C-alpha atoms as a PDB file:
ATOM      1  CA  MET A   1     117.498 186.034 194.348  1.00  0.00           C
ATOM      2  CA  SER A   2     119.835 183.054 195.632  1.00  0.00           C
ATOM      3  CA  GLN A   3     123.475 182.538 195.741  1.00  0.00           C
ATOM      4  CA  TYR A   4     123.291 179.408 194.244  1.00  0.00           C
ATOM      5  CA  LEU A   5     121.322 180.780 191.418  1.00  0.00           C
ATOM      6  CA  ILE A   6     124.122 183.494 190.789  1.00  0.00           C
ATOM      7  CA  LEU A   7     126.689 180.605 191.469  1.00  0.00           C
ATOM      8  CA  GLY A   8     125.303 178.120 189.361  1.00  0.00           C
ATOM      9  CA  ALA A   9     124.874 180.677 186.171  1.00  0.00           C
ATOM     10  CA  LEU A  10     128.846 182.049 187.606  1.00  0.00           C
ATOM     11  CA  LEU A  11     129.239 178.367 186.600  1.00  0.00           C
ATOM     12  CA  SER A  12     127.752 177.883 183.222  1.00  0.00           C
ATOM     13  CA  SER A  13     129.099 180.418 181.803  1.00  0.00           C
ATOM     14  CA  ILE A  14     133.167 179.424 182.861  1.00  0.00           C
ATOM     15  CA  GLY A  15     132.537 175.566 181.787  1.00  0.00           C
ATOM     16  CA  LEU A  16     131.504 177.155 178.586  1.00  0.00           C
ATOM     17  CA  PHE A  17     133.559 179.487 177.354  1.00  0.00           C
ATOM     18  CA  GLY A  18     136.228 176.870 177.721  1.00  0.00           C
ATOM     19  CA  LEU A  19     134.448 174.307 175.759  1.00  0.00           C
ATOM     20  CA  LEU A  20     134.049 176.689 173.029  1.00  0.00           C
ATOM     21  CA  GLY A  21     138.066 178.148 174.224  1.00  0.00           C
ATOM     22  CA  PHE A  22     140.225 175.394 174.501  1.00  0.00           C
ATOM     23  CA  ARG A  23     141.653 173.491 171.515  1.00  0.00           C
ATOM     24  CA  ALA A  24     143.130 170.407 173.912  1.00  0.00           C
ATOM     25  CA  LEU A  25     141.345 167.805 174.958  1.00  0.00           C
ATOM     26  CA  GLY A  26     141.412 167.633 178.076  1.00  0.00           C
ATOM     27  CA  LYS A  27     140.588 170.820 179.189  1.00  0.00           C
ATOM     28  CA  ARG A  28     137.599 171.017 177.203  1.00  0.00           C
ATOM     29  CA  LEU A  29     136.682 168.103 179.099  1.00  0.00           C
ATOM     30  CA  ILE A  30     136.999 169.081 182.597  1.00  0.00           C
ATOM     31  CA  SER A  31     135.837 172.127 180.681  1.00  0.00           C
ATOM     32  CA  ALA A  32     132.343 169.787 180.116  1.00  0.00           C
ATOM     33  CA  ASN A  33     132.074 168.454 183.658  1.00  0.00           C
ATOM     34  CA  ILE A  34     132.406 172.503 185.122  1.00  0.00           C
ATOM     35  CA  LEU A  35     129.367 173.798 182.822  1.00  0.00           C
ATOM     36  CA  ALA A  36     127.522 170.386 184.106  1.00  0.00           C
ATOM     37  CA  SER A  37     128.049 171.164 187.332  1.00  0.00           C
ATOM     38  CA  GLY A  38     126.533 174.863 186.864  1.00  0.00           C
ATOM     39  CA  VAL A  39     124.221 173.170 184.676  1.00  0.00           C
ATOM     40  CA  PHE A  40     123.076 170.214 188.298  1.00  0.00           C
ATOM     41  CA  ILE A  41     122.893 173.476 190.860  1.00  0.00           C
ATOM     42  CA  TYR A  42     121.569 176.048 188.750  1.00  0.00           C
ATOM     43  CA  LEU A  43     118.406 173.470 189.034  1.00  0.00           C
ATOM     44  CA  VAL A  44     118.639 172.909 192.005  1.00  0.00           C
ATOM     45  CA  SER A  45     118.684 175.487 193.802  1.00  0.00           C
ATOM     46  CA  SER A  46     116.099 177.441 191.646  1.00  0.00           C
ATOM     47  CA  ASN A  47     112.992 174.881 191.935  1.00  0.00           C
ATOM     48  CA  VAL A  48     113.320 173.964 196.111  1.00  0.00           C
ATOM     49  CA  GLY A  49     111.553 170.997 197.445  1.00  0.00           C
ATOM     50  CA  ASP A  50     109.811 169.344 193.899  1.00  0.00           C
ATOM     51  CA  PRO A  51     112.145 166.358 193.908  1.00  0.00           C
ATOM     52  CA  VAL A  52     111.264 165.461 190.114  1.00  0.00           C
ATOM     53  CA  PRO A  53     114.112 168.527 189.325  1.00  0.00           C
ATOM     54  CA  GLN A  54     116.546 166.508 192.459  1.00  0.00           C
ATOM     55  CA  ALA A  55     115.951 162.245 190.821  1.00  0.00           C
ATOM     56  CA  LEU A  56     117.184 164.262 186.922  1.00  0.00           C
ATOM     57  CA  VAL A  57     119.960 165.592 188.886  1.00  0.00           C
ATOM     58  CA  LEU A  58     120.868 162.666 190.439  1.00  0.00           C
ATOM     59  CA  THR A  59     120.540 160.782 187.363  1.00  0.00           C
ATOM     60  CA  GLY A  60     122.714 163.286 185.153  1.00  0.00           C
ATOM     61  CA  LEU A  61     125.510 162.962 187.689  1.00  0.00           C
ATOM     62  CA  VAL A  62     125.143 159.558 187.096  1.00  0.00           C
ATOM     63  CA  VAL A  63     125.699 159.732 183.225  1.00  0.00           C
ATOM     64  CA  SER A  64     128.295 162.673 183.536  1.00  0.00           C
ATOM     65  CA  VAL A  65     130.326 160.755 185.953  1.00  0.00           C
ATOM     66  CA  SER A  66     130.410 157.589 183.224  1.00  0.00           C
ATOM     67  CA  ALA A  67     130.674 160.013 180.491  1.00  0.00           C
ATOM     68  CA  THR A  68     134.041 161.557 182.125  1.00  0.00           C
ATOM     69  CA  ALA A  69     135.252 158.077 182.275  1.00  0.00           C
ATOM     70  CA  LEU A  70     134.395 157.335 178.811  1.00  0.00           C
ATOM     71  CA  ALA A  71     136.563 160.476 177.497  1.00  0.00           C
ATOM     72  CA  VAL A  72     138.876 159.762 179.992  1.00  0.00           C
ATOM     73  CA  ALA A  73     140.068 156.498 177.772  1.00  0.00           C
ATOM     74  CA  LEU A  74     139.746 158.012 174.895  1.00  0.00           C
ATOM     75  CA  ILE A  75     141.477 160.644 175.345  1.00  0.00           C
ATOM     76  CA  LYS A  76     143.981 158.768 176.514  1.00  0.00           C
ATOM     77  CA  LEU A  77     144.140 156.274 173.376  1.00  0.00           C
ATOM     78  CA  VAL A  78     144.094 159.829 170.973  1.00  0.00           C
ATOM     79  CA  TYR A  79     147.283 160.629 172.997  1.00  0.00           C
ATOM     80  CA  GLU A  80     148.836 157.669 172.949  1.00  0.00           C
ATOM     81  CA  GLN A  81     148.706 157.052 169.162  1.00  0.00           C
END
């Protein structure tokens, strides 16, 4: 078993625990990003040499960054009101 598979599973479980355990929106956003990073690491390390999962991870990273920017803007609006 690769070390990266273990790292991906560990990051995914930490992110899931934080997502379910915290009530603060900022902490939940960070936990969701940790969860996504763990899934991306797991996907890349489990399919070495196959270009399709690597392309999906690149697309997922772009979507994750844009969703995080949108979530930060929405959290800022919630805390200002």
